[in-house]
């Protein structure tokens, strides 16, 4: 389901280092401005993604339940916010399921 998988143990860099995002962009042959980085904000990943020009989406559902105090600082740095990963489809203007396709 993914165009590329980038594993830090294989590429020698980790989030939020710019190189890991750049390696992914290179692998999918797209500019950062055409991509979204989706994550829960751990390891400062949202800041790292923004630093290389990616738009960021915070997925807060799990962390809001476990560590609600971590959500507001992450909201302050993300471009978009959803509670669950399927909500990204709605953000993109796509149907969340085949039953929504008319």
N, C-alpha and C. Protein backbone atom coordinates (compact mmCIF):
# COMPACT_ATOMS: atom_id res chain seq x y z
N UNK A 1 0.80 -1.20 0.00
CA UNK A 1 0.00 0.00 0.00
C UNK A 1 0.85 1.26 0.00
N UNK A 2 2.15 1.12 0.17
CA UNK A 2 3.01 2.29 0.23
C UNK A 2 3.97 2.30 -0.94
N UNK A 3 4.26 3.49 -1.43
CA UNK A 3 5.20 3.65 -2.52
C UNK A 3 6.63 3.35 -2.08
N UNK A 4 6.94 3.68 -0.82
CA UNK A 4 8.30 3.48 -0.32
C UNK A 4 8.24 3.29 1.19
N UNK A 5 9.18 2.53 1.69
CA UNK A 5 9.34 2.37 3.13
C UNK A 5 10.76 2.80 3.47
N UNK A 6 10.88 3.68 4.44
CA UNK A 6 12.19 4.16 4.86
C UNK A 6 12.38 3.77 6.32
N UNK A 7 13.32 2.90 6.58
CA UNK A 7 13.60 2.45 7.94
C UNK A 7 14.90 3.08 8.41
N UNK A 8 14.84 3.73 9.56
CA UNK A 8 16.01 4.44 10.08
C UNK A 8 17.22 3.52 10.22
N UNK A 9 17.00 2.28 10.59
CA UNK A 9 18.12 1.34 10.76
C UNK A 9 18.81 1.04 9.43
N UNK A 10 18.09 1.21 8.33
CA UNK A 10 18.67 0.94 7.02
C UNK A 10 19.31 2.16 6.39
N UNK A 11 18.81 3.36 6.70
CA UNK A 11 19.30 4.56 6.04
C UNK A 11 20.24 5.40 6.91
N UNK A 12 20.37 5.07 8.18
CA UNK A 12 21.34 5.74 9.04
C UNK A 12 20.96 7.12 9.52
N UNK A 13 19.67 7.43 9.55
CA UNK A 13 19.20 8.70 10.10
C UNK A 13 17.81 8.47 10.68
N UNK A 14 17.39 9.38 11.55
CA UNK A 14 16.11 9.22 12.23
C UNK A 14 15.33 10.52 12.23
N UNK A 15 14.02 10.44 12.48
CA UNK A 15 13.23 11.65 12.65
C UNK A 15 13.71 12.35 13.91
N UNK A 16 13.85 13.62 13.92
CA UNK A 16 13.44 14.63 12.94
C UNK A 16 14.56 15.10 12.01
N UNK A 17 15.59 14.29 11.78
CA UNK A 17 16.68 14.70 10.89
C UNK A 17 16.14 14.91 9.47
N UNK A 18 16.48 16.01 8.84
CA UNK A 18 15.99 16.28 7.47
C UNK A 18 16.28 15.15 6.49
N UNK A 19 17.39 14.48 6.65
CA UNK A 19 17.78 13.44 5.68
C UNK A 19 16.75 12.32 5.56
N UNK A 20 16.10 11.97 6.64
CA UNK A 20 15.15 10.85 6.54
C UNK A 20 13.92 11.22 5.71
N UNK A 21 13.48 12.45 5.84
CA UNK A 21 12.35 12.92 5.03
C UNK A 21 12.78 13.07 3.57
N UNK A 22 13.99 13.60 3.37
CA UNK A 22 14.51 13.78 2.02
C UNK A 22 14.68 12.45 1.30
N UNK A 23 15.11 11.42 2.03
CA UNK A 23 15.24 10.09 1.42
C UNK A 23 13.89 9.55 0.96
N UNK A 24 12.86 9.81 1.74
CA UNK A 24 11.53 9.37 1.36
C UNK A 24 11.04 10.14 0.13
N UNK A 25 11.22 11.44 0.14
CA UNK A 25 10.80 12.25 -1.02
C UNK A 25 11.53 11.80 -2.28
N UNK A 26 12.80 11.49 -2.14
CA UNK A 26 13.58 11.00 -3.28
C UNK A 26 13.02 9.66 -3.77
N UNK A 27 12.69 8.78 -2.84
CA UNK A 27 12.19 7.46 -3.20
C UNK A 27 10.85 7.52 -3.93
N UNK A 28 10.01 8.49 -3.58
CA UNK A 28 8.71 8.59 -4.25
C UNK A 28 8.72 9.62 -5.38
N UNK A 29 9.86 10.27 -5.57
CA UNK A 29 10.07 11.22 -6.67
C UNK A 29 9.01 12.34 -6.70
N UNK A 30 8.77 12.92 -5.52
CA UNK A 30 7.84 14.03 -5.41
C UNK A 30 8.46 15.15 -4.61
N UNK A 31 8.09 16.39 -4.93
CA UNK A 31 8.56 17.50 -4.11
C UNK A 31 7.78 17.57 -2.80
N UNK A 32 8.39 18.10 -1.78
CA UNK A 32 7.75 18.20 -0.46
C UNK A 32 6.41 18.93 -0.53
N UNK A 33 6.31 19.94 -1.38
CA UNK A 33 5.08 20.73 -1.46
C UNK A 33 3.89 19.93 -1.96
N UNK A 34 4.12 18.77 -2.53
CA UNK A 34 3.03 17.91 -3.02
C UNK A 34 2.68 16.78 -2.05
N UNK A 35 3.25 16.82 -0.85
CA UNK A 35 3.10 15.70 0.08
C UNK A 35 2.60 16.15 1.45
N UNK A 36 2.02 15.19 2.17
CA UNK A 36 1.62 15.39 3.56
C UNK A 36 2.42 14.44 4.43
N UNK A 37 2.86 14.91 5.56
CA UNK A 37 3.44 14.03 6.57
C UNK A 37 2.38 13.83 7.63
N UNK A 38 2.04 12.59 7.91
CA UNK A 38 0.99 12.26 8.86
C UNK A 38 1.62 11.51 10.03
N UNK A 39 1.42 12.02 11.25
CA UNK A 39 1.96 11.35 12.41
C UNK A 39 1.39 11.88 13.71
N UNK A 40 1.80 11.24 14.81
CA UNK A 40 1.30 11.66 16.12
C UNK A 40 2.19 12.71 16.79
N UNK A 41 3.26 13.10 16.12
CA UNK A 41 4.12 14.16 16.63
C UNK A 41 5.23 13.71 17.55
N UNK A 42 5.32 12.43 17.83
CA UNK A 42 6.40 11.94 18.67
C UNK A 42 7.75 12.16 18.01
N UNK A 43 8.78 12.24 18.81
CA UNK A 43 10.16 12.44 18.33
C UNK A 43 10.33 13.73 17.52
N UNK A 44 9.48 14.71 17.77
CA UNK A 44 9.54 15.99 17.04
C UNK A 44 9.42 15.81 15.53
N UNK A 45 8.73 14.76 15.13
CA UNK A 45 8.60 14.45 13.71
C UNK A 45 7.88 15.53 12.91
N UNK A 46 6.92 16.21 13.51
CA UNK A 46 6.19 17.25 12.77
C UNK A 46 7.10 18.44 12.46
N UNK A 47 7.91 18.83 13.42
CA UNK A 47 8.86 19.93 13.18
C UNK A 47 9.87 19.55 12.11
N UNK A 48 10.35 18.33 12.16
CA UNK A 48 11.30 17.87 11.15
C UNK A 48 10.70 17.86 9.76
N UNK A 49 9.46 17.40 9.66
CA UNK A 49 8.78 17.36 8.37
C UNK A 49 8.56 18.77 7.82
N UNK A 50 8.13 19.68 8.68
CA UNK A 50 7.92 21.07 8.25
C UNK A 50 9.22 21.71 7.79
N UNK A 51 10.33 21.36 8.45
CA UNK A 51 11.62 21.95 8.11
C UNK A 51 12.05 21.63 6.68
N UNK A 52 11.58 20.52 6.12
CA UNK A 52 11.92 20.18 4.74
C UNK A 52 10.81 20.56 3.77
N UNK A 53 9.77 21.24 4.25
CA UNK A 53 8.73 21.75 3.37
C UNK A 53 7.47 20.91 3.26
N UNK A 54 7.36 19.87 4.07
CA UNK A 54 6.15 19.05 4.05
C UNK A 54 5.03 19.72 4.83
N UNK A 55 3.81 19.58 4.36
CA UNK A 55 2.65 19.96 5.17
C UNK A 55 2.45 18.83 6.17
N UNK A 56 2.03 19.19 7.38
CA UNK A 56 1.94 18.19 8.44
C UNK A 56 0.51 17.99 8.92
N UNK A 57 0.22 16.74 9.27
CA UNK A 57 -1.08 16.37 9.81
C UNK A 57 -0.85 15.66 11.14
N UNK A 58 -1.37 16.21 12.20
CA UNK A 58 -1.31 15.57 13.50
C UNK A 58 -2.50 14.63 13.65
N UNK A 59 -2.22 13.38 13.99
CA UNK A 59 -3.25 12.40 14.30
C UNK A 59 -3.23 12.25 15.82
N UNK A 60 -4.28 12.77 16.48
CA UNK A 60 -4.23 12.89 17.94
C UNK A 60 -5.01 11.85 18.73
N UNK A 61 -5.75 10.99 18.09
CA UNK A 61 -6.65 10.08 18.80
C UNK A 61 -6.02 9.30 19.93
N UNK A 62 -4.94 8.60 19.68
CA UNK A 62 -4.31 7.76 20.70
C UNK A 62 -3.67 8.62 21.78
N UNK A 63 -2.90 9.62 21.39
CA UNK A 63 -2.22 10.41 22.42
C UNK A 63 -3.19 11.23 23.25
N UNK A 64 -4.32 11.64 22.67
CA UNK A 64 -5.31 12.39 23.44
C UNK A 64 -5.87 11.55 24.58
N UNK A 65 -6.00 10.25 24.33
CA UNK A 65 -6.50 9.35 25.36
C UNK A 65 -5.47 9.01 26.42
N UNK A 66 -4.21 8.90 26.00
CA UNK A 66 -3.14 8.50 26.92
C UNK A 66 -2.44 9.67 27.59
N UNK A 67 -2.13 10.69 26.80
CA UNK A 67 -1.37 11.84 27.30
C UNK A 67 -1.99 13.13 26.76
N UNK A 68 -3.16 13.53 27.23
CA UNK A 68 -3.83 14.70 26.67
C UNK A 68 -3.01 15.98 26.75
N UNK A 69 -2.10 16.07 27.68
CA UNK A 69 -1.27 17.27 27.81
C UNK A 69 -0.28 17.42 26.65
N UNK A 70 -0.04 16.36 25.89
CA UNK A 70 0.88 16.42 24.76
C UNK A 70 0.24 16.95 23.48
N UNK A 71 -1.07 17.01 23.46
CA UNK A 71 -1.76 17.43 22.23
C UNK A 71 -1.61 18.92 21.95
N UNK A 72 -1.88 19.83 22.89
CA UNK A 72 -1.80 21.26 22.55
C UNK A 72 -0.47 21.74 21.96
N UNK A 73 0.69 21.31 22.50
CA UNK A 73 1.94 21.77 21.88
C UNK A 73 2.10 21.26 20.44
N UNK A 74 1.57 20.08 20.17
CA UNK A 74 1.67 19.53 18.83
C UNK A 74 0.70 20.22 17.88
N UNK A 75 -0.46 20.61 18.40
CA UNK A 75 -1.41 21.36 17.58
C UNK A 75 -0.82 22.69 17.12
N UNK A 76 0.01 23.27 17.97
CA UNK A 76 0.60 24.57 17.67
C UNK A 76 1.56 24.52 16.49
N UNK A 77 2.09 23.34 16.16
CA UNK A 77 3.07 23.27 15.07
C UNK A 77 2.58 22.55 13.83
N UNK A 78 1.40 21.91 13.90
CA UNK A 78 0.94 21.16 12.73
C UNK A 78 0.12 22.06 11.80
N UNK A 79 0.01 21.64 10.54
CA UNK A 79 -0.80 22.37 9.57
C UNK A 79 -2.26 21.92 9.61
N UNK A 80 -2.48 20.65 9.91
CA UNK A 80 -3.82 20.08 9.93
C UNK A 80 -3.92 19.13 11.12
N UNK A 81 -5.14 18.90 11.55
CA UNK A 81 -5.37 18.03 12.70
C UNK A 81 -6.53 17.09 12.41
N UNK A 82 -6.32 15.82 12.67
CA UNK A 82 -7.38 14.81 12.62
C UNK A 82 -7.24 13.94 13.86
N UNK A 83 -8.33 13.29 14.21
CA UNK A 83 -8.27 12.40 15.36
C UNK A 83 -7.85 10.99 14.99
N UNK A 84 -8.22 10.57 13.78
CA UNK A 84 -7.91 9.20 13.35
C UNK A 84 -7.36 9.21 11.93
N UNK A 85 -6.56 8.23 11.61
CA UNK A 85 -5.93 8.16 10.29
C UNK A 85 -6.95 8.21 9.15
N UNK A 86 -8.09 7.49 9.22
CA UNK A 86 -9.04 7.57 8.10
C UNK A 86 -9.55 8.99 7.84
N UNK A 87 -9.48 9.85 8.85
CA UNK A 87 -9.92 11.24 8.67
C UNK A 87 -9.03 12.00 7.70
N UNK A 88 -7.84 11.50 7.42
CA UNK A 88 -6.96 12.13 6.44
C UNK A 88 -7.62 12.11 5.07
N UNK A 89 -8.34 11.05 4.77
CA UNK A 89 -9.04 10.96 3.49
C UNK A 89 -10.04 12.09 3.34
N UNK A 90 -10.78 12.37 4.40
CA UNK A 90 -11.72 13.48 4.37
C UNK A 90 -11.00 14.80 4.18
N UNK A 91 -9.88 14.95 4.85
CA UNK A 91 -9.06 16.16 4.71
C UNK A 91 -8.67 16.38 3.25
N UNK A 92 -8.42 15.30 2.55
CA UNK A 92 -8.02 15.37 1.14
C UNK A 92 -9.21 15.44 0.19
N UNK A 93 -10.42 15.42 0.74
CA UNK A 93 -11.60 15.49 -0.09
C UNK A 93 -11.95 14.16 -0.74
N UNK A 94 -11.46 13.07 -0.16
CA UNK A 94 -11.73 11.73 -0.70
C UNK A 94 -12.73 11.01 0.18
N UNK A 95 -13.47 10.06 -0.39
CA UNK A 95 -14.39 9.28 0.43
C UNK A 95 -13.63 8.39 1.41
N UNK A 96 -14.19 8.21 2.59
CA UNK A 96 -13.56 7.38 3.62
C UNK A 96 -13.78 5.91 3.38
N UNK A 97 -14.75 5.57 2.53
CA UNK A 97 -15.02 4.17 2.22
C UNK A 97 -15.66 4.09 0.85
N UNK A 98 -15.69 2.88 0.30
CA UNK A 98 -16.31 2.69 -1.01
C UNK A 98 -17.79 2.99 -0.97
N UNK A 99 -18.42 2.84 0.18
CA UNK A 99 -19.86 3.12 0.28
C UNK A 99 -20.18 4.60 0.10
N UNK A 100 -19.18 5.45 0.23
CA UNK A 100 -19.39 6.89 0.05
C UNK A 100 -19.18 7.34 -1.39
N UNK A 101 -18.73 6.43 -2.25
CA UNK A 101 -18.50 6.76 -3.65
C UNK A 101 -19.84 6.68 -4.37
N UNK A 102 -20.20 7.75 -5.06
CA UNK A 102 -21.48 7.75 -5.78
C UNK A 102 -21.27 7.72 -7.26
